[in-house]
């Protein structure tokens, strides 16, 4: 004969069941997106699906990849949602994504320009579109009598010294994509030279993406190198800012994917599918989000004057190669840190001296001084790693290895320290050469 359960036992059992149900109905979304975006989607989805809760776990893209890799199957977040297609290539290569074709909206176009909106391998899906460019504070620019830039290389001009901000690509997926877009558009060697010239004018390299648009919105910085929705969100939210796509830009999808080894697959698929519906796509037009939808404009209620991202894609000079970007991802972010992030003061000083010498040369031509300035430029703006190296699979493979392994860590640390030391030496030599030129022109 069965004994009746004690009332307290029944209460405990019901509580445990409730906790289990709550856990079963919780979708953990790992994302680099700001709370202004994720909060709007969380509320809209939970209102439509009251039995499912969305838990937002915010990490930058690089940290998100590491986080997923470190967790065992069954304990991973359910959804990865971020701007960087090459980050999804890395996760796909490591078999950390799971196919979910049923979430795809059949109205989604196959491509944006020549770029597939959804992963041809079926492991991740375009949720929004993004391009890369520059935003600026109109009041700041007027106060400092600066013209609005249109192309990347304009930011290397002397008048922009100390007025440009960027986030570190090792901490920001969108910034990495911007750097990679320039490298693909200009070629590896020319692209790095151009990037170093621009960075010589940088006022700051921030450690989070959001710090750049926030700084431009409030007038701390004049110009920010950003993904489009940062500039457009500021503009449509009423800040005195504007944004432009340079000709060397790319339009690529921001993606959403089901993580292999997540806890709540079915609920996660419902959230993913919602973001791709007409309703979910129109949330992108909220001024706080200001992103570009993947669905055609003729299927949506588009605000008047909203940028036509398909027109931008048609005229963009870069057809982004996410496989190439993913293959050299760690090399690019490490090089940028060693040449720019950790050596910004030395690069600024070299650039300021070069600008000063070139200004004097215009007023007082001198062949010897001109040669010294050319030498200074060759030291300051030359990439430390040539294109042949990043085509070497053995070299690239070193950066894909587990850094927690002692031998790998020692080899990479030694290489990066060498890059950092060489950068410092190059910038100090460049400044000394420019100073010599200045001395000849006094």
Protein backbone atom coordinates (compact mmCIF):
# COMPACT_ATOMS: atom_id res chain seq x y z
CA UNK A 1 0.00 0.00 0.00
CA UNK A 2 1.33 3.44 -0.95
CA UNK A 3 1.82 5.97 1.82
CA UNK A 4 0.42 9.46 1.10
CA UNK A 5 3.08 12.11 0.58
CA UNK A 6 3.63 14.61 3.37
CA UNK A 7 2.28 18.08 2.42
CA UNK A 8 5.75 19.62 2.72
CA UNK A 9 7.10 16.96 0.37
CA UNK A 10 4.41 17.85 -2.14
CA UNK A 11 5.30 21.54 -1.89
CA UNK A 12 9.01 20.78 -2.38
CA UNK A 13 8.25 18.56 -5.36
CA UNK A 14 6.11 21.24 -6.98
CA UNK A 15 8.83 23.85 -6.40
CA UNK A 16 11.44 21.61 -7.96
CA UNK A 17 9.14 20.97 -10.91
CA UNK A 18 8.62 24.71 -11.30
CA UNK A 19 12.37 25.33 -11.24
CA UNK A 20 12.90 22.58 -13.81
CA UNK A 21 10.18 24.05 -16.00
CA UNK A 22 11.74 27.49 -15.72
CA UNK A 23 15.12 26.13 -16.72
CA UNK A 24 13.59 24.20 -19.59
CA UNK A 25 11.91 27.37 -20.81
CA UNK A 26 15.02 29.55 -20.66
CA UNK A 27 17.06 30.33 -23.76
CA UNK A 28 20.58 31.64 -23.15
CA UNK A 29 21.66 34.00 -25.91
CA UNK A 30 25.37 34.79 -26.13
CA UNK A 31 25.84 38.10 -27.91
CA UNK A 32 28.08 41.10 -28.39
CA UNK A 33 25.11 43.37 -29.13
CA UNK A 34 24.21 46.26 -26.81
CA UNK A 35 21.33 46.05 -24.34
CA UNK A 36 19.40 48.61 -26.41
CA UNK A 37 19.05 45.93 -29.09
CA UNK A 38 18.79 42.78 -27.00
CA UNK A 39 16.32 44.31 -24.54
CA UNK A 40 13.86 45.15 -27.32
CA UNK A 41 14.03 41.64 -28.78
CA UNK A 42 13.82 39.98 -25.36
CA UNK A 43 10.63 41.86 -24.43
CA UNK A 44 8.95 41.37 -27.82
CA UNK A 45 9.68 37.63 -27.90
CA UNK A 46 8.68 36.98 -24.27
CA UNK A 47 5.41 38.84 -24.83
CA UNK A 48 4.60 36.43 -27.67
CA UNK A 49 5.93 33.35 -25.84
CA UNK A 50 5.15 33.79 -22.12
CA UNK A 51 6.43 30.30 -21.31
CA UNK A 52 9.95 31.03 -22.57
CA UNK A 53 12.47 33.35 -20.93
CA UNK A 54 15.42 34.90 -22.76
CA UNK A 55 18.65 35.16 -20.80
CA UNK A 56 21.16 37.56 -22.40
CA UNK A 57 24.83 36.81 -21.83
CA UNK A 58 26.87 39.74 -23.15
CA UNK A 59 30.48 39.18 -24.23
CA UNK A 60 32.60 40.59 -27.02
CA UNK A 61 32.95 38.32 -30.04
CA UNK A 62 36.44 37.04 -29.27
CA UNK A 63 35.48 36.23 -25.68
CA UNK A 64 32.28 34.55 -26.91
CA UNK A 65 34.24 32.14 -29.10
CA UNK A 66 36.55 31.24 -26.21
CA UNK A 67 33.57 30.84 -23.83
CA UNK A 68 31.80 28.36 -26.10
CA UNK A 69 34.99 26.39 -26.67
CA UNK A 70 35.68 26.06 -22.94
CA UNK A 71 32.26 24.68 -21.94
CA UNK A 72 31.29 21.00 -22.29
CA UNK A 73 28.27 19.96 -24.34
CA UNK A 74 25.09 20.37 -22.32
CA UNK A 75 26.34 23.47 -20.54
CA UNK A 76 26.83 25.81 -23.47
CA UNK A 77 24.61 28.77 -24.31
CA UNK A 78 21.84 28.02 -26.78
CA UNK A 79 22.26 30.81 -29.33
CA UNK A 80 25.20 32.80 -30.69
CA UNK A 81 24.21 36.21 -32.10
CA UNK A 82 26.87 38.60 -33.39
CA UNK A 83 28.04 40.77 -36.28
CA UNK A 84 31.19 38.93 -37.34
CA UNK A 85 30.68 36.21 -39.98
CA UNK A 86 34.27 35.07 -39.58
CA UNK A 87 33.59 34.31 -35.91
CA UNK A 88 30.86 31.91 -37.02
CA UNK A 89 33.31 30.39 -39.50
CA UNK A 90 35.64 29.67 -36.57
CA UNK A 91 32.82 28.05 -34.54
CA UNK A 92 31.64 26.06 -37.56
CA UNK A 93 35.17 24.82 -38.24
CA UNK A 94 35.40 23.61 -34.64
CA UNK A 95 32.01 21.83 -34.92
CA UNK A 96 30.41 24.04 -32.28
CA UNK A 97 27.32 24.99 -34.31
CA UNK A 98 24.22 22.95 -35.11
CA UNK A 99 22.09 23.20 -38.24
CA UNK A 100 18.56 24.63 -37.84
CA UNK A 101 17.16 25.10 -41.36
CA UNK A 102 13.57 25.31 -40.10
CA UNK A 103 14.21 28.78 -38.61
CA UNK A 104 14.96 30.36 -42.00
CA UNK A 105 12.34 32.72 -43.44
CA UNK A 106 11.71 31.58 -47.05
CA UNK A 107 11.40 35.23 -48.10
CA UNK A 108 15.08 35.81 -47.32
CA UNK A 109 17.12 36.68 -50.46
CA UNK A 110 19.97 34.32 -51.25
CA UNK A 111 22.63 37.07 -51.33
CA UNK A 112 23.47 40.66 -50.48
CA UNK A 113 25.55 41.76 -53.43
CA UNK A 114 27.63 38.63 -54.09
CA UNK A 115 27.72 37.58 -50.45
CA UNK A 116 25.48 34.70 -49.22
CA UNK A 117 23.09 35.86 -46.51
CA UNK A 118 22.95 32.37 -44.97
CA UNK A 119 25.90 30.06 -44.50
CA UNK A 120 26.13 27.76 -47.55
CA UNK A 121 26.93 24.98 -45.07
CA UNK A 122 23.65 25.62 -43.23
CA UNK A 123 25.16 26.28 -39.78
CA UNK A 124 24.41 29.98 -39.29
CA UNK A 125 21.94 32.48 -40.70
CA UNK A 126 21.87 36.16 -41.57
CA UNK A 127 19.64 38.12 -39.17
CA UNK A 128 20.57 41.68 -40.16
CA UNK A 129 22.93 43.37 -42.60
CA UNK A 130 25.84 45.65 -41.77
CA UNK A 131 28.38 47.89 -43.48
CA UNK A 132 31.42 49.72 -42.14
CA UNK A 133 32.30 53.37 -42.15
CA UNK A 134 32.78 56.59 -40.19
CA UNK A 135 30.55 58.60 -37.90
CA UNK A 136 31.27 62.14 -36.74
CA UNK A 137 29.91 64.72 -34.35
CA UNK A 138 28.73 67.68 -36.43
CA UNK A 139 29.17 70.22 -33.60
CA UNK A 140 32.67 68.97 -32.83
CA UNK A 141 33.65 69.16 -36.49
CA UNK A 142 32.31 72.71 -36.84
CA UNK A 143 34.06 73.84 -33.64
CA UNK A 144 37.37 72.42 -34.87
CA UNK A 145 36.81 73.57 -38.49
CA UNK A 146 37.16 70.02 -39.80
CA UNK A 147 35.58 68.80 -43.05
CA UNK A 148 33.41 65.68 -42.92
CA UNK A 149 35.42 62.70 -44.26
CA UNK A 150 34.19 60.48 -47.08
CA UNK A 151 37.04 57.98 -47.59
CA UNK A 152 39.31 56.10 -45.15
CA UNK A 153 42.54 57.65 -46.37
CA UNK A 154 41.27 61.16 -45.61
CA UNK A 155 41.60 60.27 -41.92
CA UNK A 156 45.41 60.20 -42.35
CA UNK A 157 45.47 63.95 -43.11
CA UNK A 158 47.31 66.15 -40.57
CA UNK A 159 44.17 68.13 -39.72
CA UNK A 160 42.57 65.00 -38.22
CA UNK A 161 45.43 64.38 -35.77
CA UNK A 162 43.98 63.58 -32.33
CA UNK A 163 40.38 63.57 -33.55
CA UNK A 164 39.82 59.89 -34.50
CA UNK A 165 38.71 57.00 -32.27
CA UNK A 166 38.52 53.25 -32.86
CA UNK A 167 38.03 50.19 -30.66
CA UNK A 168 40.54 47.37 -30.54
CA UNK A 169 39.71 44.58 -33.02
CA UNK A 170 40.84 42.03 -30.42
CA UNK A 171 37.97 43.26 -28.23
CA UNK A 172 35.44 44.15 -30.93
CA UNK A 173 34.16 41.92 -33.72
CA UNK A 174 32.81 44.84 -35.80
CA UNK A 175 36.15 46.65 -35.60
CA UNK A 176 37.99 43.54 -36.70
CA UNK A 177 35.64 43.35 -39.69
CA UNK A 178 36.35 47.00 -40.51
CA UNK A 179 40.11 46.42 -40.41
CA UNK A 180 39.75 43.25 -42.47
CA UNK A 181 37.58 45.09 -45.01
CA UNK A 182 40.36 47.65 -45.53
CA UNK A 183 42.96 44.88 -45.81
CA UNK A 184 40.86 43.05 -48.40
CA UNK A 185 40.00 46.23 -50.28
CA UNK A 186 43.52 47.66 -50.47
CA UNK A 187 45.60 44.48 -50.25
CA UNK A 188 47.52 43.29 -47.19
CA UNK A 189 50.63 45.51 -47.38
CA UNK A 190 48.95 48.70 -48.63
CA UNK A 191 46.03 48.14 -46.28
CA UNK A 192 48.26 47.94 -43.20
CA UNK A 193 50.23 51.00 -44.27
CA UNK A 194 47.00 52.93 -44.67
CA UNK A 195 45.68 51.69 -41.34
CA UNK A 196 48.88 52.70 -39.52
CA UNK A 197 48.76 56.19 -41.04
CA UNK A 198 45.17 56.61 -39.87
CA UNK A 199 45.94 55.21 -36.44
CA UNK A 200 48.76 57.71 -36.06
CA UNK A 201 45.96 60.29 -35.87
CA UNK A 202 43.97 58.31 -33.30
CA UNK A 203 43.03 59.95 -30.04
CA UNK A 204 42.16 56.59 -28.46
CA UNK A 205 41.85 52.85 -29.00
CA UNK A 206 38.99 51.78 -26.74
CA UNK A 207 38.49 48.34 -25.24
CA UNK A 208 34.79 48.03 -26.20
CA UNK A 209 32.91 48.83 -29.40
CA UNK A 210 30.32 50.95 -27.60
CA UNK A 211 32.88 53.41 -26.24
CA UNK A 212 33.53 54.85 -29.71
CA UNK A 213 29.94 55.81 -30.67
CA UNK A 214 29.26 56.96 -27.10
CA UNK A 215 32.35 59.19 -27.31
CA UNK A 216 31.32 60.65 -30.67
CA UNK A 217 27.71 61.14 -29.55
CA UNK A 218 28.79 63.16 -26.52
CA UNK A 219 31.56 65.08 -28.32
CA UNK A 220 34.54 63.41 -26.64
CA UNK A 221 35.81 62.36 -30.06
CA UNK A 222 35.25 64.00 -33.43
CA UNK A 223 35.24 60.91 -35.66
CA UNK A 224 34.65 57.24 -34.93
CA UNK A 225 35.47 54.23 -37.10
CA UNK A 226 32.35 52.11 -36.59
CA UNK A 227 29.87 49.58 -37.89
CA UNK A 228 26.93 51.38 -39.51
CA UNK A 229 24.29 50.82 -36.84
CA UNK A 230 26.37 52.64 -34.22
CA UNK A 231 26.43 55.79 -36.34
CA UNK A 232 22.84 55.48 -37.52
CA UNK A 233 21.50 54.76 -34.02
CA UNK A 234 23.15 57.95 -32.80
CA UNK A 235 21.74 59.94 -35.72
CA UNK A 236 18.18 58.61 -35.46
CA UNK A 237 18.19 58.94 -31.65
CA UNK A 238 18.75 62.68 -31.98
CA UNK A 239 22.47 63.10 -31.36
CA UNK A 240 24.33 65.65 -33.54
CA UNK A 241 26.07 62.96 -35.59
CA UNK A 242 26.22 61.72 -39.15
CA UNK A 243 27.59 58.60 -40.85
CA UNK A 244 29.09 57.69 -44.24
CA UNK A 245 29.99 54.45 -46.02
CA UNK A 246 33.40 54.86 -47.76
CA UNK A 247 33.78 53.30 -51.20
CA UNK A 248 36.04 50.64 -49.65
CA UNK A 249 33.39 49.01 -47.53
CA UNK A 250 31.62 45.68 -47.41
CA UNK A 251 28.06 44.66 -46.61
CA UNK A 252 27.82 41.38 -44.74
CA UNK A 253 25.24 39.66 -42.56
CA UNK A 254 25.16 39.81 -38.80
CA UNK A 255 24.41 36.22 -37.90
CA UNK A 256 22.47 34.06 -35.52
CA UNK A 257 23.21 30.38 -34.90
CA UNK A 258 22.23 27.41 -32.77
CA UNK A 259 25.15 26.34 -30.58
CA UNK A 260 25.92 22.62 -30.57
CA UNK A 261 25.59 21.28 -27.04
CA UNK A 262 23.17 23.96 -25.84
CA UNK A 263 20.52 23.25 -23.20
CA UNK A 264 17.21 24.15 -24.85
CA UNK A 265 17.28 23.50 -28.57
CA UNK A 266 13.55 23.72 -29.33
CA UNK A 267 13.00 27.01 -27.48
CA UNK A 268 16.20 28.41 -28.99
CA UNK A 269 14.93 27.67 -32.49
CA UNK A 270 11.72 29.57 -31.73
CA UNK A 271 13.71 32.64 -30.72
CA UNK A 272 15.92 32.42 -33.81
CA UNK A 273 12.91 32.04 -36.08
CA UNK A 274 11.21 35.06 -34.45
CA UNK A 275 14.16 37.34 -35.23
CA UNK A 276 13.76 36.42 -38.92
CA UNK A 277 10.00 37.05 -39.17
CA UNK A 278 8.55 40.26 -40.62
CA UNK A 279 7.79 41.43 -37.07
CA UNK A 280 11.28 40.55 -35.85
CA UNK A 281 12.89 42.28 -38.82
CA UNK A 282 10.90 45.49 -38.33
CA UNK A 283 12.25 45.76 -34.78
CA UNK A 284 15.57 46.64 -36.44
CA UNK A 285 14.10 50.03 -37.42
CA UNK A 286 13.75 51.11 -33.78
CA UNK A 287 15.95 54.26 -33.47
CA UNK A 288 17.92 52.66 -30.63
CA UNK A 289 18.83 49.73 -32.94
CA UNK A 290 18.94 51.25 -36.46
CA UNK A 291 20.08 48.12 -38.24
CA UNK A 292 19.50 46.90 -41.77
CA UNK A 293 17.06 44.01 -42.31
CA UNK A 294 17.77 40.95 -44.41
CA UNK A 295 14.21 40.91 -45.79
CA UNK A 296 13.55 43.03 -48.90
CA UNK A 297 12.31 46.55 -48.18
CA UNK A 298 9.12 45.96 -50.18
CA UNK A 299 8.02 43.45 -47.54
CA UNK A 300 8.56 45.80 -44.60
CA UNK A 301 7.40 49.14 -43.23
CA UNK A 302 10.62 51.09 -43.77
CA UNK A 303 11.02 54.55 -42.17
CA UNK A 304 11.31 57.45 -44.62
CA UNK A 305 14.90 58.23 -45.60
CA UNK A 306 16.31 54.98 -44.24
CA UNK A 307 19.57 53.96 -45.99
CA UNK A 308 19.20 51.48 -48.84
CA UNK A 309 21.73 48.84 -47.82
CA UNK A 310 21.26 46.96 -51.11
CA UNK A 311 22.39 50.07 -53.02
CA UNK A 312 25.40 50.35 -50.71
CA UNK A 313 26.26 46.70 -51.42
CA UNK A 314 26.09 47.26 -55.19
CA UNK A 315 28.63 50.10 -55.13
CA UNK A 316 30.88 48.65 -52.38
CA UNK A 317 34.38 47.86 -53.67
CA UNK A 318 34.92 44.89 -51.37
CA UNK A 319 33.30 41.50 -51.82
CA UNK A 320 34.08 40.26 -48.33
CA UNK A 321 35.77 36.85 -48.05
CA UNK A 322 34.81 35.45 -44.65
CA UNK A 323 36.91 32.30 -45.09
CA UNK A 324 40.03 34.40 -45.66
CA UNK A 325 39.11 36.62 -42.73
CA UNK A 326 38.48 33.64 -40.45
CA UNK A 327 41.74 31.95 -41.48
CA UNK A 328 43.89 34.93 -40.44
CA UNK A 329 41.63 36.31 -37.68
CA UNK A 330 44.05 35.83 -34.77
CA UNK A 331 47.00 37.17 -36.76
CA UNK A 332 45.17 40.38 -37.65
CA UNK A 333 43.96 41.12 -34.11
CA UNK A 334 47.34 40.31 -32.59
CA UNK A 335 49.23 42.47 -35.10
CA UNK A 336 46.89 45.40 -34.52
CA UNK A 337 47.39 45.21 -30.77
CA UNK A 338 51.17 45.03 -31.03
CA UNK A 339 51.46 47.78 -33.67
CA UNK A 340 48.66 50.08 -32.50
CA UNK A 341 46.81 49.33 -29.26
CA UNK A 342 49.91 48.82 -27.10
CA UNK A 343 52.10 51.30 -29.02
CA UNK A 344 49.66 54.14 -29.63
CA UNK A 345 51.72 56.84 -27.87
CA UNK A 346 54.84 55.99 -29.86
CA UNK A 347 52.86 55.87 -33.13
CA UNK A 348 51.19 59.21 -32.31
CA UNK A 349 54.57 60.82 -31.59
CA UNK A 350 56.09 59.55 -34.84
CA UNK A 351 53.07 60.72 -36.82
CA UNK A 352 53.07 64.17 -35.21
CA UNK A 353 56.78 64.60 -36.05
CA UNK A 354 56.19 63.48 -39.66
CA UNK A 355 53.28 65.92 -40.03
CA UNK A 356 55.40 68.76 -38.63
CA UNK A 357 58.31 67.95 -40.96
CA UNK A 358 56.04 67.76 -44.02
CA UNK A 359 54.42 71.09 -43.15
CA UNK A 360 57.85 72.73 -43.00
CA UNK A 361 58.89 71.06 -46.27
CA UNK A 362 56.00 72.69 -48.09
CA UNK A 363 57.18 76.10 -46.97
CA UNK A 364 60.89 75.36 -47.44
CA UNK A 365 61.75 72.52 -49.89
CA UNK A 366 64.92 70.60 -49.06
CA UNK A 367 66.03 67.37 -50.76
CA UNK A 368 67.89 65.97 -47.75
CA UNK A 369 65.00 66.70 -45.40
CA UNK A 370 62.53 65.17 -47.87
CA UNK A 371 64.60 61.98 -47.98
CA UNK A 372 64.62 61.82 -44.17
CA UNK A 373 60.83 62.14 -44.10
CA UNK A 374 60.47 59.34 -46.67
CA UNK A 375 62.63 57.15 -44.45
CA UNK A 376 60.54 58.11 -41.43
CA UNK A 377 57.37 57.07 -43.22
CA UNK A 378 58.85 53.74 -44.27
CA UNK A 379 59.66 52.98 -40.63
CA UNK A 380 56.38 54.20 -39.15
CA UNK A 381 53.90 52.74 -41.64
CA UNK A 382 55.35 49.42 -42.77
CA UNK A 383 53.53 46.21 -41.71
CA UNK A 384 55.59 43.86 -39.55
CA UNK A 385 54.26 40.74 -41.29
CA UNK A 386 54.23 40.47 -45.06
CA UNK A 387 51.46 38.97 -47.17
CA UNK A 388 53.53 35.85 -47.88
CA UNK A 389 53.41 34.96 -44.17
CA UNK A 390 49.61 35.12 -43.95
CA UNK A 391 49.39 32.80 -46.95
CA UNK A 392 51.54 30.27 -45.08
CA UNK A 393 49.22 27.68 -43.53
CA UNK A 394 51.83 26.59 -40.99
CA UNK A 395 52.19 30.18 -39.74
CA UNK A 396 48.41 30.60 -39.48
CA UNK A 397 47.99 27.27 -37.71
CA UNK A 398 50.19 28.43 -34.84
CA UNK A 399 47.60 31.09 -33.99
CA UNK A 400 44.76 28.55 -33.99
CA UNK A 401 46.38 26.31 -31.40
CA UNK A 402 45.27 26.20 -27.78
CA UNK A 403 47.05 29.04 -26.03
CA UNK A 404 46.70 27.25 -22.70
CA UNK A 405 49.33 24.76 -23.81
CA UNK A 406 52.63 25.92 -22.33
CA UNK A 407 54.71 25.44 -25.47
CA UNK A 408 52.14 27.21 -27.68
CA UNK A 409 51.79 30.08 -25.22
CA UNK A 410 55.56 30.49 -25.00
CA UNK A 411 55.97 30.57 -28.79
CA UNK A 412 53.11 33.03 -29.37
CA UNK A 413 54.12 35.29 -26.49
CA UNK A 414 57.68 35.41 -27.80
CA UNK A 415 56.49 36.28 -31.30
CA UNK A 416 54.13 39.01 -30.05
CA UNK A 417 56.79 40.50 -27.79
CA UNK A 418 59.11 40.65 -30.78
CA UNK A 419 56.40 42.44 -32.81
CA UNK A 420 55.81 44.91 -29.99
CA UNK A 421 59.51 45.61 -29.55
CA UNK A 422 60.04 46.04 -33.28
CA UNK A 423 57.06 48.41 -33.52
CA UNK A 424 58.42 50.57 -30.72
CA UNK A 425 61.82 50.68 -32.39
CA UNK A 426 60.28 51.56 -35.76
CA UNK A 427 58.24 54.42 -34.31
CA UNK A 428 61.15 55.80 -32.29
CA UNK A 429 63.38 55.66 -35.37
CA UNK A 430 60.69 57.35 -37.47
CA UNK A 431 60.33 60.15 -34.95
CA UNK A 432 64.11 60.65 -34.81
CA UNK A 433 64.34 60.85 -38.62
CA UNK A 434 61.48 63.33 -38.80
CA UNK A 435 63.11 65.43 -36.06
CA UNK A 436 66.33 65.46 -38.08
CA UNK A 437 64.38 66.75 -41.06
CA UNK A 438 62.80 69.45 -38.90
CA UNK A 439 66.24 70.53 -37.67
CA UNK A 440 67.38 71.00 -41.28
CA UNK A 441 64.35 73.16 -42.03
CA UNK A 442 64.64 75.64 -39.16
